[in-house]
Amino acid sequence: MRRATVFAIVVCASAFAVAAPVPKEDDAARMVRIYGTRANPKDEARYEMRGDALRVFLPACEIPPRRDFERPTPQQQALWDWKRTPEDGSRVWRAVRGDFMAVVRVSFPLRGAVSINQTWRPRVAGLVIWSSVKDHFGMIRHEELTRPPANQAPVKQLSVHEAFQSILTHPAGVRMSGGELKGSSNSAFLRVKRSGKSVTAAYSRDGKEWTEFLADEVEWKDTVKVGVYAKHFSDTPFEATFDEYTLTVPKK
């Protein structure tokens, strides 16, 4: 009788363990699973998951005025030295070994007209591949100023349109390629593929028809960091959304 009782208790305990609910995945865990971890947990960006979409909120920057014949302050120098590359950008990534393909849709509204006298830097968001501080790659959707024709009368404001750019930073310098898409939209798809020592970037409106840049040769480490980044230097907050993100590696 005693043995039967013990057996019944064991069976009941096993049944309870099998039926126990799986803990619900929270936003922090979902961000790590899909996009990775923050490169700099102390940066000023705020990250928010909406389903599988990652929203990055960047605060407004203080734009220092520039006065002629004065030595620039550190804040002024930071503005003049500002680049579209991933350095100092708000980055979320994970380590990937060997070949891969990363695809993401990037969304943010473009600013309207910009004063001709305004100190201006574009807002950028896209994919980042990081081998080292001096060896990394950015594939971005960014703002670009629309310059009027040379024979047009002077204007007080310039309009803004979207553009795309791949930026390879390497020990010997920087290589860039750029392009545009017809029409206007708040979003576009970006893609980066690594195959051995070759990396190829592309962009698309719908994720189906792609415009591909010429491949770049790289000397990256076997394992690199792959993810997304956003960056700006403007006097209003910037919000970028990443979704439909995939990171695939070929089967061995």
Foldseek 3Di string as FASTA:
>chain_A
DVVVVVVVVVVVVVVCVVPDDDDDDDFVNLCCVFFRAKPDPPDPWDWDDDDNKIKIKFAAADADDDDPPDDDDPNNVCLVPDDPDCVVWTWGWDKDFAKKKKKKKKFFDDDFKDFPPDSADKKWKAKKKFQDPQWIKTKIKIKDWDDDDPPDDDDGITGIAIKIKMWTGHPVGIDMDIGDDPDGDRMWMKMWIDHPQKIKIWIGRPVPDIDIDDIDGGDGDRMIIIGMTIDGHHRGMTMMMIDPIDMGDDDD
